[in-house]
PDB file of N, CA and C in Angstrom:
ATOM      1  N   MET A   1      60.797 158.930  51.837  1.00  0.00           N
ATOM      2  CA  MET A   1      59.346 158.996  51.814  1.00  0.00           C
ATOM      3  C   MET A   1      58.482 158.402  53.098  1.00  0.00           C
ATOM      4  N   LEU A   2      58.985 157.025  53.250  1.00  0.00           N
ATOM      5  CA  LEU A   2      58.464 156.376  54.482  1.00  0.00           C
ATOM      6  C   LEU A   2      58.389 156.945  55.806  1.00  0.00           C
ATOM      7  N   ASP A   3      59.641 157.785  55.945  1.00  0.00           N
ATOM      8  CA  ASP A   3      59.523 158.594  57.166  1.00  0.00           C
ATOM      9  C   ASP A   3      58.296 159.555  57.344  1.00  0.00           C
ATOM     10  N   GLN A   4      57.800 160.089  56.381  1.00  0.00           N
ATOM     11  CA  GLN A   4      56.837 161.071  56.035  1.00  0.00           C
ATOM     12  C   GLN A   4      55.453 160.311  56.439  1.00  0.00           C
ATOM     13  N   PHE A   5      55.311 159.031  56.460  1.00  0.00           N
ATOM     14  CA  PHE A   5      53.956 158.390  56.541  1.00  0.00           C
ATOM     15  C   PHE A   5      53.504 158.361  57.944  1.00  0.00           C
ATOM     16  N   THR A   6      52.051 158.585  58.156  1.00  0.00           N
ATOM     17  CA  THR A   6      51.619 158.461  59.479  1.00  0.00           C
ATOM     18  C   THR A   6      50.380 157.521  59.698  1.00  0.00           C
ATOM     19  N   LEU A   7      49.704 157.513  60.724  1.00  0.00           N
ATOM     20  CA  LEU A   7      48.719 156.832  60.870  1.00  0.00           C
ATOM     21  C   LEU A   7      47.326 157.635  59.949  1.00  0.00           C
ATOM     22  N   ASP A   8      47.685 158.618  60.028  1.00  0.00           N
ATOM     23  CA  ASP A   8      46.440 159.779  59.214  1.00  0.00           C
ATOM     24  C   ASP A   8      46.727 159.425  57.501  1.00  0.00           C
ATOM     25  N   THR A   9      48.154 159.023  57.191  1.00  0.00           N
ATOM     26  CA  THR A   9      48.192 158.631  55.705  1.00  0.00           C
ATOM     27  C   THR A   9      47.344 157.320  55.552  1.00  0.00           C
ATOM     28  N   PHE A  10      47.541 156.364  56.479  1.00  0.00           N
ATOM     29  CA  PHE A  10      46.855 155.041  56.152  1.00  0.00           C
ATOM     30  C   PHE A  10      45.347 154.775  56.596  1.00  0.00           C
ATOM     31  N   SER A  11      44.963 155.374  57.542  1.00  0.00           N
ATOM     32  CA  SER A  11      43.387 155.327  57.971  1.00  0.00           C
ATOM     33  C   SER A  11      42.255 155.437  57.016  1.00  0.00           C
ATOM     34  N   PRO A  12      42.508 156.413  55.608  1.00  0.00           N
ATOM     35  CA  PRO A  12      41.515 156.857  54.827  1.00  0.00           C
ATOM     36  C   PRO A  12      41.749 155.299  53.785  1.00  0.00           C
ATOM     37  N   LEU A  13      42.596 154.719  54.106  1.00  0.00           N
ATOM     38  CA  LEU A  13      42.940 153.564  52.910  1.00  0.00           C
ATOM     39  C   LEU A  13      42.412 152.368  53.599  1.00  0.00           C
ATOM     40  N   LEU A  14      41.711 152.250  54.941  1.00  0.00           N
ATOM     41  CA  LEU A  14      41.122 150.773  55.401  1.00  0.00           C
ATOM     42  C   LEU A  14      40.387 150.401  54.213  1.00  0.00           C
ATOM     43  N   GLY A  15      40.229 149.121  54.010  1.00  0.00           N
ATOM     44  CA  GLY A  15      39.470 148.159  53.194  1.00  0.00           C
ATOM     45  C   GLY A  15      39.869 148.200  51.884  1.00  0.00           C
ATOM     46  N   GLN A  16      40.870 148.977  51.682  1.00  0.00           N
ATOM     47  CA  GLN A  16      41.603 149.208  50.313  1.00  0.00           C
ATOM     48  C   GLN A  16      42.688 147.885  49.899  1.00  0.00           C
ATOM     49  N   THR A  17      42.781 147.683  48.469  1.00  0.00           N
ATOM     50  CA  THR A  17      43.796 146.524  48.308  1.00  0.00           C
ATOM     51  C   THR A  17      44.982 147.295  47.905  1.00  0.00           C
ATOM     52  N   PHE A  18      45.972 146.833  48.133  1.00  0.00           N
ATOM     53  CA  PHE A  18      47.408 147.053  47.966  1.00  0.00           C
ATOM     54  C   PHE A  18      47.853 145.790  47.224  1.00  0.00           C
ATOM     55  N   SER A  19      48.750 145.961  46.317  1.00  0.00           N
ATOM     56  CA  SER A  19      49.728 144.923  45.514  1.00  0.00           C
ATOM     57  C   SER A  19      50.949 144.681  46.043  1.00  0.00           C
ATOM     58  N   LEU A  20      51.165 143.392  46.652  1.00  0.00           N
ATOM     59  CA  LEU A  20      52.580 143.135  46.611  1.00  0.00           C
ATOM     60  C   LEU A  20      53.059 142.128  45.837  1.00  0.00           C
ATOM     61  N   ILE A  21      54.529 142.978  45.465  1.00  0.00           N
ATOM     62  CA  ILE A  21      54.994 142.350  44.318  1.00  0.00           C
ATOM     63  C   ILE A  21      56.147 141.435  44.785  1.00  0.00           C
ATOM     64  N   ALA A  22      56.317 140.091  44.760  1.00  0.00           N
ATOM     65  CA  ALA A  22      57.346 139.533  45.371  1.00  0.00           C
ATOM     66  C   ALA A  22      58.123 138.690  44.066  1.00  0.00           C
ATOM     67  N   ASP A  23      59.572 139.001  44.091  1.00  0.00           N
ATOM     68  CA  ASP A  23      60.337 138.361  43.156  1.00  0.00           C
ATOM     69  C   ASP A  23      59.906 138.310  41.427  1.00  0.00           C
ATOM     70  N   GLY A  24      59.107 139.164  40.990  1.00  0.00           N
ATOM     71  CA  GLY A  24      58.713 139.282  39.754  1.00  0.00           C
ATOM     72  C   GLY A  24      57.616 138.448  39.638  1.00  0.00           C
ATOM     73  N   ALA A  25      56.746 137.801  40.770  1.00  0.00           N
ATOM     74  CA  ALA A  25      55.591 136.892  40.194  1.00  0.00           C
ATOM     75  C   ALA A  25      54.537 137.974  40.168  1.00  0.00           C
ATOM     76  N   ASN A  26      53.639 137.050  39.883  1.00  0.00           N
ATOM     77  CA  ASN A  26      52.067 137.826  39.869  1.00  0.00           C
ATOM     78  C   ASN A  26      51.920 138.629  41.354  1.00  0.00           C
ATOM     79  N   ALA A  27      51.388 139.885  41.276  1.00  0.00           N
ATOM     80  CA  ALA A  27      50.790 140.450  42.479  1.00  0.00           C
ATOM     81  C   ALA A  27      49.933 140.040  43.302  1.00  0.00           C
ATOM     82  N   LEU A  28      50.310 139.734  44.574  1.00  0.00           N
ATOM     83  CA  LEU A  28      49.441 139.300  45.645  1.00  0.00           C
ATOM     84  C   LEU A  28      48.651 140.202  46.138  1.00  0.00           C
ATOM     85  N   PRO A  29      47.345 140.365  46.111  1.00  0.00           N
ATOM     86  CA  PRO A  29      46.556 141.289  46.668  1.00  0.00           C
ATOM     87  C   PRO A  29      46.328 141.358  48.281  1.00  0.00           C
ATOM     88  N   LEU A  30      46.661 142.510  48.823  1.00  0.00           N
ATOM     89  CA  LEU A  30      46.415 142.584  50.463  1.00  0.00           C
ATOM     90  C   LEU A  30      45.468 143.782  50.713  1.00  0.00           C
ATOM     91  N   GLU A  31      44.716 143.455  51.266  1.00  0.00           N
ATOM     92  CA  GLU A  31      43.683 144.231  52.052  1.00  0.00           C
ATOM     93  C   GLU A  31      44.022 144.888  53.384  1.00  0.00           C
ATOM     94  N   LEU A  32      44.158 146.365  53.337  1.00  0.00           N
ATOM     95  CA  LEU A  32      44.421 146.894  54.721  1.00  0.00           C
ATOM     96  C   LEU A  32      43.392 146.811  55.549  1.00  0.00           C
ATOM     97  N   VAL A  33      43.374 145.954  56.726  1.00  0.00           N
ATOM     98  CA  VAL A  33      42.330 145.731  57.530  1.00  0.00           C
ATOM     99  C   VAL A  33      42.326 146.530  58.928  1.00  0.00           C
ATOM    100  N   GLU A  34      43.579 146.990  59.365  1.00  0.00           N
ATOM    101  CA  GLU A  34      43.638 147.572  60.376  1.00  0.00           C
ATOM    102  C   GLU A  34      44.649 148.656  60.280  1.00  0.00           C
ATOM    103  N   ALA A  35      44.406 149.696  61.128  1.00  0.00           N
ATOM    104  CA  ALA A  35      45.365 150.789  61.201  1.00  0.00           C
ATOM    105  C   ALA A  35      45.299 151.251  62.690  1.00  0.00           C
ATOM    106  N   THR A  36      46.289 150.885  63.489  1.00  0.00           N
ATOM    107  CA  THR A  36      46.357 151.079  64.771  1.00  0.00           C
ATOM    108  C   THR A  36      47.379 152.344  65.481  1.00  0.00           C
ATOM    109  N   ASP A  37      46.971 153.057  66.364  1.00  0.00           N
ATOM    110  CA  ASP A  37      47.764 153.996  66.921  1.00  0.00           C
ATOM    111  C   ASP A  37      48.479 153.200  68.107  1.00  0.00           C
ATOM    112  N   LEU A  38      49.845 153.205  68.228  1.00  0.00           N
ATOM    113  CA  LEU A  38      50.797 152.505  69.190  1.00  0.00           C
ATOM    114  C   LEU A  38      50.998 153.082  70.299  1.00  0.00           C
ATOM    115  N   GLN A  39      50.841 154.280  70.285  1.00  0.00           N
ATOM    116  CA  GLN A  39      51.096 155.267  71.554  1.00  0.00           C
ATOM    117  C   GLN A  39      50.785 154.878  72.392  1.00  0.00           C
ATOM    118  N   SER A  40      51.591 154.400  73.653  1.00  0.00           N
ATOM    119  CA  SER A  40      50.831 154.094  74.975  1.00  0.00           C
ATOM    120  C   SER A  40      50.830 154.980  76.028  1.00  0.00           C
ATOM    121  N   SER A  41      51.628 155.870  75.757  1.00  0.00           N
ATOM    122  CA  SER A  41      51.207 157.075  76.890  1.00  0.00           C
ATOM    123  C   SER A  41      50.539 157.766  76.714  1.00  0.00           C
ATOM    124  N   GLY A  42      49.677 158.249  75.840  1.00  0.00           N
ATOM    125  CA  GLY A  42      48.553 158.955  75.603  1.00  0.00           C
ATOM    126  C   GLY A  42      49.060 160.417  75.257  1.00  0.00           C
ATOM    127  N   ARG A  43      50.480 160.529  75.137  1.00  0.00           N
ATOM    128  CA  ARG A  43      50.916 162.047  75.205  1.00  0.00           C
ATOM    129  C   ARG A  43      51.153 162.338  73.533  1.00  0.00           C
ATOM    130  N   ALA A  44      50.962 163.635  73.444  1.00  0.00           N
ATOM    131  CA  ALA A  44      51.202 164.022  71.887  1.00  0.00           C
ATOM    132  C   ALA A  44      52.610 164.058  71.629  1.00  0.00           C
ATOM    133  N   PRO A  45      53.157 163.574  70.488  1.00  0.00           N
ATOM    134  CA  PRO A  45      54.583 163.469  70.130  1.00  0.00           C
ATOM    135  C   PRO A  45      55.264 164.891  70.315  1.00  0.00           C
ATOM    136  N   ALA A  46      56.428 164.648  70.994  1.00  0.00           N
ATOM    137  CA  ALA A  46      57.326 165.874  71.241  1.00  0.00           C
ATOM    138  C   ALA A  46      57.818 166.316  70.000  1.00  0.00           C
ATOM    139  N   ALA A  47      58.433 167.694  69.839  1.00  0.00           N
ATOM    140  CA  ALA A  47      58.837 167.945  68.593  1.00  0.00           C
ATOM    141  C   ALA A  47      59.909 167.343  67.808  1.00  0.00           C
ATOM    142  N   HIS A  48      60.721 166.367  68.802  1.00  0.00           N
ATOM    143  CA  HIS A  48      62.002 165.972  68.256  1.00  0.00           C
ATOM    144  C   HIS A  48      61.572 164.494  67.738  1.00  0.00           C
ATOM    145  N   ASP A  49      60.089 164.078  68.135  1.00  0.00           N
ATOM    146  CA  ASP A  49      59.720 162.940  67.740  1.00  0.00           C
ATOM    147  C   ASP A  49      59.418 162.727  66.383  1.00  0.00           C
ATOM    148  N   ARG A  50      59.769 161.614  65.561  1.00  0.00           N
ATOM    149  CA  ARG A  50      59.680 161.585  64.416  1.00  0.00           C
ATOM    150  C   ARG A  50      57.994 161.565  63.970  1.00  0.00           C
ATOM    151  N   ARG A  51      57.449 160.604  64.588  1.00  0.00           N
ATOM    152  CA  ARG A  51      55.942 160.436  64.336  1.00  0.00           C
ATOM    153  C   ARG A  51      55.345 159.527  65.402  1.00  0.00           C
ATOM    154  N   ALA A  52      54.109 159.729  65.604  1.00  0.00           N
ATOM    155  CA  ALA A  52      53.362 158.762  66.553  1.00  0.00           C
ATOM    156  C   ALA A  52      53.588 157.082  66.160  1.00  0.00           C
ATOM    157  N   PRO A  53      54.087 156.219  66.773  1.00  0.00           N
ATOM    158  CA  PRO A  53      54.277 154.839  66.439  1.00  0.00           C
ATOM    159  C   PRO A  53      52.722 154.361  65.913  1.00  0.00           C
ATOM    160  N   PHE A  54      52.667 153.454  65.020  1.00  0.00           N
ATOM    161  CA  PHE A  54      51.667 152.827  64.531  1.00  0.00           C
ATOM    162  C   PHE A  54      51.720 151.462  63.967  1.00  0.00           C
ATOM    163  N   SER A  55      50.640 150.788  63.748  1.00  0.00           N
ATOM    164  CA  SER A  55      50.643 149.435  63.235  1.00  0.00           C
ATOM    165  C   SER A  55      49.736 149.347  61.915  1.00  0.00           C
ATOM    166  N   LEU A  56      50.088 148.461  61.133  1.00  0.00           N
ATOM    167  CA  LEU A  56      49.110 148.227  59.965  1.00  0.00           C
ATOM    168  C   LEU A  56      48.884 146.822  59.664  1.00  0.00           C
ATOM    169  N   VAL A  57      47.880 146.334  59.826  1.00  0.00           N
ATOM    170  CA  VAL A  57      47.747 144.974  59.167  1.00  0.00           C
ATOM    171  C   VAL A  57      46.930 144.653  58.107  1.00  0.00           C
ATOM    172  N   PHE A  58      47.373 143.906  57.202  1.00  0.00           N
ATOM    173  CA  PHE A  58      46.931 143.560  55.853  1.00  0.00           C
ATOM    174  C   PHE A  58      46.517 141.952  55.901  1.00  0.00           C
ATOM    175  N   ARG A  59      45.696 141.753  55.081  1.00  0.00           N
ATOM    176  CA  ARG A  59      45.000 140.344  54.778  1.00  0.00           C
ATOM    177  C   ARG A  59      45.010 140.124  53.479  1.00  0.00           C
ATOM    178  N   GLY A  60      45.996 139.018  53.139  1.00  0.00           N
ATOM    179  CA  GLY A  60      46.215 138.397  51.959  1.00  0.00           C
ATOM    180  C   GLY A  60      45.342 136.885  51.938  1.00  0.00           C
ATOM    181  N   PRO A  61      45.715 136.326  50.618  1.00  0.00           N
ATOM    182  CA  PRO A  61      44.857 135.007  50.261  1.00  0.00           C
ATOM    183  C   PRO A  61      45.667 134.229  51.658  1.00  0.00           C
ATOM    184  N   SER A  62      44.972 132.983  51.961  1.00  0.00           N
ATOM    185  CA  SER A  62      45.715 132.024  52.692  1.00  0.00           C
ATOM    186  C   SER A  62      46.905 131.162  52.049  1.00  0.00           C
ATOM    187  N   THR A  63      47.216 131.085  50.997  1.00  0.00           N
ATOM    188  CA  THR A  63      48.196 130.558  50.121  1.00  0.00           C
ATOM    189  C   THR A  63      48.546 131.394  48.892  1.00  0.00           C
ATOM    190  N   PRO A  64      49.877 131.781  48.630  1.00  0.00           N
ATOM    191  CA  PRO A  64      50.839 131.543  49.308  1.00  0.00           C
ATOM    192  C   PRO A  64      51.032 132.527  50.507  1.00  0.00           C
ATOM    193  N   VAL A  65      51.864 131.962  51.274  1.00  0.00           N
ATOM    194  CA  VAL A  65      52.253 133.052  52.675  1.00  0.00           C
ATOM    195  C   VAL A  65      53.654 133.429  52.157  1.00  0.00           C
ATOM    196  N   ALA A  66      53.582 134.741  52.101  1.00  0.00           N
ATOM    197  CA  ALA A  66      54.768 135.568  51.976  1.00  0.00           C
ATOM    198  C   ALA A  66      55.677 135.520  53.248  1.00  0.00           C
ATOM    199  N   PRO A  67      56.787 134.904  53.256  1.00  0.00           N
ATOM    200  CA  PRO A  67      57.752 135.161  54.544  1.00  0.00           C
ATOM    201  C   PRO A  67      57.965 136.491  54.892  1.00  0.00           C
ATOM    202  N   GLN A  68      58.443 136.741  56.232  1.00  0.00           N
ATOM    203  CA  GLN A  68      58.771 137.957  56.599  1.00  0.00           C
ATOM    204  C   GLN A  68      60.063 138.460  55.857  1.00  0.00           C
ATOM    205  N   ARG A  69      59.773 139.865  55.616  1.00  0.00           N
ATOM    206  CA  ARG A  69      61.003 140.517  54.883  1.00  0.00           C
ATOM    207  C   ARG A  69      60.433 141.733  54.314  1.00  0.00           C
ATOM    208  N   ILE A  70      61.140 142.733  53.519  1.00  0.00           N
ATOM    209  CA  ILE A  70      60.808 143.686  53.047  1.00  0.00           C
ATOM    210  C   ILE A  70      60.166 143.557  51.710  1.00  0.00           C
ATOM    211  N   TYR A  71      58.905 144.110  51.600  1.00  0.00           N
ATOM    212  CA  TYR A  71      58.217 143.827  50.033  1.00  0.00           C
ATOM    213  C   TYR A  71      57.912 145.112  49.392  1.00  0.00           C
ATOM    214  N   PRO A  72      57.865 145.325  48.221  1.00  0.00           N
ATOM    215  CA  PRO A  72      57.711 146.540  47.342  1.00  0.00           C
ATOM    216  C   PRO A  72      55.916 146.363  47.452  1.00  0.00           C
ATOM    217  N   LEU A  73      55.049 147.448  47.825  1.00  0.00           N
ATOM    218  CA  LEU A  73      53.639 147.461  47.747  1.00  0.00           C
ATOM    219  C   LEU A  73      53.202 148.836  46.901  1.00  0.00           C
ATOM    220  N   GLU A  74      52.275 148.392  46.116  1.00  0.00           N
ATOM    221  CA  GLU A  74      51.773 149.477  45.174  1.00  0.00           C
ATOM    222  C   GLU A  74      50.274 149.871  45.503  1.00  0.00           C
ATOM    223  N   HIS A  75      49.922 151.072  45.621  1.00  0.00           N
ATOM    224  CA  HIS A  75      48.355 151.592  45.924  1.00  0.00           C
ATOM    225  C   HIS A  75      48.328 152.926  45.246  1.00  0.00           C
ATOM    226  N   PRO A  76      47.138 152.973  44.507  1.00  0.00           N
ATOM    227  CA  PRO A  76      47.007 154.140  43.942  1.00  0.00           C
ATOM    228  C   PRO A  76      46.974 155.364  44.381  1.00  0.00           C
ATOM    229  N   SER A  77      46.799 155.497  45.675  1.00  0.00           N
ATOM    230  CA  SER A  77      46.909 156.802  46.405  1.00  0.00           C
ATOM    231  C   SER A  77      48.144 157.179  47.037  1.00  0.00           C
ATOM    232  N   ILE A  78      48.911 156.528  47.341  1.00  0.00           N
ATOM    233  CA  ILE A  78      50.272 156.668  47.692  1.00  0.00           C
ATOM    234  C   ILE A  78      51.578 156.106  46.821  1.00  0.00           C
ATOM    235  N   GLY A  79      51.304 155.271  45.997  1.00  0.00           N
ATOM    236  CA  GLY A  79      52.124 154.824  44.597  1.00  0.00           C
ATOM    237  C   GLY A  79      53.141 153.685  45.294  1.00  0.00           C
ATOM    238  N   HIS A  80      54.464 153.671  45.027  1.00  0.00           N
ATOM    239  CA  HIS A  80      55.274 152.603  45.546  1.00  0.00           C
ATOM    240  C   HIS A  80      55.729 152.812  46.836  1.00  0.00           C
ATOM    241  N   VAL A  81      55.717 151.702  47.962  1.00  0.00           N
ATOM    242  CA  VAL A  81      56.520 151.987  48.918  1.00  0.00           C
ATOM    243  C   VAL A  81      56.851 150.495  49.330  1.00  0.00           C
ATOM    244  N   GLU A  82      57.930 150.365  49.930  1.00  0.00           N
ATOM    245  CA  GLU A  82      58.754 149.196  50.759  1.00  0.00           C
ATOM    246  C   GLU A  82      58.638 149.035  52.106  1.00  0.00           C
ATOM    247  N   LEU A  83      57.664 148.142  52.415  1.00  0.00           N
ATOM    248  CA  LEU A  83      57.259 147.873  53.901  1.00  0.00           C
ATOM    249  C   LEU A  83      58.131 146.388  54.362  1.00  0.00           C
ATOM    250  N   PHE A  84      58.522 146.457  55.847  1.00  0.00           N
ATOM    251  CA  PHE A  84      58.980 145.338  56.388  1.00  0.00           C
ATOM    252  C   PHE A  84      57.286 144.559  56.630  1.00  0.00           C
ATOM    253  N   LEU A  85      57.264 143.464  56.097  1.00  0.00           N
ATOM    254  CA  LEU A  85      56.071 142.853  56.440  1.00  0.00           C
ATOM    255  C   LEU A  85      56.269 141.648  57.350  1.00  0.00           C
ATOM    256  N   VAL A  86      55.773 141.202  58.227  1.00  0.00           N
ATOM    257  CA  VAL A  86      55.727 139.967  59.336  1.00  0.00           C
ATOM    258  C   VAL A  86      54.139 139.198  59.295  1.00  0.00           C
ATOM    259  N   PRO A  87      54.495 137.854  58.882  1.00  0.00           N
ATOM    260  CA  PRO A  87      53.072 137.271  58.666  1.00  0.00           C
ATOM    261  C   PRO A  87      52.830 137.094  60.467  1.00  0.00           C
ATOM    262  N   ILE A  88      51.663 137.429  60.504  1.00  0.00           N
ATOM    263  CA  ILE A  88      51.057 137.411  61.992  1.00  0.00           C
ATOM    264  C   ILE A  88      50.063 136.169  62.204  1.00  0.00           C
ATOM    265  N   GLY A  89      49.783 135.441  61.232  1.00  0.00           N
ATOM    266  CA  GLY A  89      48.804 134.250  61.301  1.00  0.00           C
ATOM    267  C   GLY A  89      47.582 134.556  60.784  1.00  0.00           C
ATOM    268  N   PRO A  90      46.796 133.369  60.147  1.00  0.00           N
ATOM    269  CA  PRO A  90      45.606 133.394  59.417  1.00  0.00           C
ATOM    270  C   PRO A  90      44.626 133.832  60.438  1.00  0.00           C
ATOM    271  N   ASP A  91      43.543 134.298  59.815  1.00  0.00           N
ATOM    272  CA  ASP A  91      42.180 134.645  60.473  1.00  0.00           C
ATOM    273  C   ASP A  91      41.088 133.869  59.625  1.00  0.00           C
ATOM    274  N   GLY A  92      39.827 134.085  59.865  1.00  0.00           N
ATOM    275  CA  GLY A  92      39.055 133.014  58.938  1.00  0.00           C
ATOM    276  C   GLY A  92      38.856 133.467  57.475  1.00  0.00           C
ATOM    277  N   GLN A  93      39.692 134.509  57.174  1.00  0.00           N
ATOM    278  CA  GLN A  93      39.483 134.835  55.841  1.00  0.00           C
ATOM    279  C   GLN A  93      40.962 135.080  54.932  1.00  0.00           C
ATOM    280  N   GLY A  94      41.933 134.662  55.750  1.00  0.00           N
ATOM    281  CA  GLY A  94      43.188 134.746  54.885  1.00  0.00           C
ATOM    282  C   GLY A  94      44.479 135.071  55.875  1.00  0.00           C
ATOM    283  N   MET A  95      45.644 134.993  55.439  1.00  0.00           N
ATOM    284  CA  MET A  95      46.836 135.201  56.158  1.00  0.00           C
ATOM    285  C   MET A  95      46.786 136.666  56.467  1.00  0.00           C
ATOM    286  N   ARG A  96      47.320 137.228  57.568  1.00  0.00           N
ATOM    287  CA  ARG A  96      47.295 138.449  58.186  1.00  0.00           C
ATOM    288  C   ARG A  96      48.963 139.032  58.158  1.00  0.00           C
ATOM    289  N   TYR A  97      49.283 139.965  57.882  1.00  0.00           N
ATOM    290  CA  TYR A  97      50.630 140.764  57.838  1.00  0.00           C
ATOM    291  C   TYR A  97      50.797 141.874  58.705  1.00  0.00           C
ATOM    292  N   GLU A  98      51.692 142.247  59.411  1.00  0.00           N
ATOM    293  CA  GLU A  98      51.771 143.339  60.035  1.00  0.00           C
ATOM    294  C   GLU A  98      53.101 144.100  59.680  1.00  0.00           C
ATOM    295  N   ALA A  99      52.902 145.552  59.889  1.00  0.00           N
ATOM    296  CA  ALA A  99      54.123 146.434  59.503  1.00  0.00           C
ATOM    297  C   ALA A  99      54.124 147.296  60.706  1.00  0.00           C
ATOM    298  N   ILE A 100      55.045 147.727  61.259  1.00  0.00           N
ATOM    299  CA  ILE A 100      55.345 148.802  62.564  1.00  0.00           C
ATOM    300  C   ILE A 100      55.841 149.799  61.758  1.00  0.00           C
ATOM    301  N   PHE A 101      55.567 150.920  62.459  1.00  0.00           N
ATOM    302  CA  PHE A 101      56.043 152.263  62.261  1.00  0.00           C
ATOM    303  C   PHE A 101      56.391 152.753  63.373  1.00  0.00           C
ATOM    304  N   THR A 102      57.702 153.094  63.671  1.00  0.00           N
ATOM    305  CA  THR A 102      58.071 153.771  65.071  1.00  0.00           C
ATOM    306  C   THR A 102      58.446 155.477  64.677  1.00  0.00           C
TER     307      THR A 102
END
């Protein structure tokens, strides 16, 4: 399922909240704040390419900070998905996490 996700899957979900479930604890709300095309060449993906690379940036509360690892996330539109999230630092509103799709 994860291999079928593209930038177009997530772009309509900007500003929406995902629930990160960590170690049976309460869900940590993560807002999708960026969905960025990472294709540097500007070319269309070749037929053998799985998908154009993209990144997602989520913002959660300032604390607790979730360490880098794979987390299950839930969203009403796409259901359950497991993403490798990396904390990339706080902004003025909370901690940001990035997931890269290649």
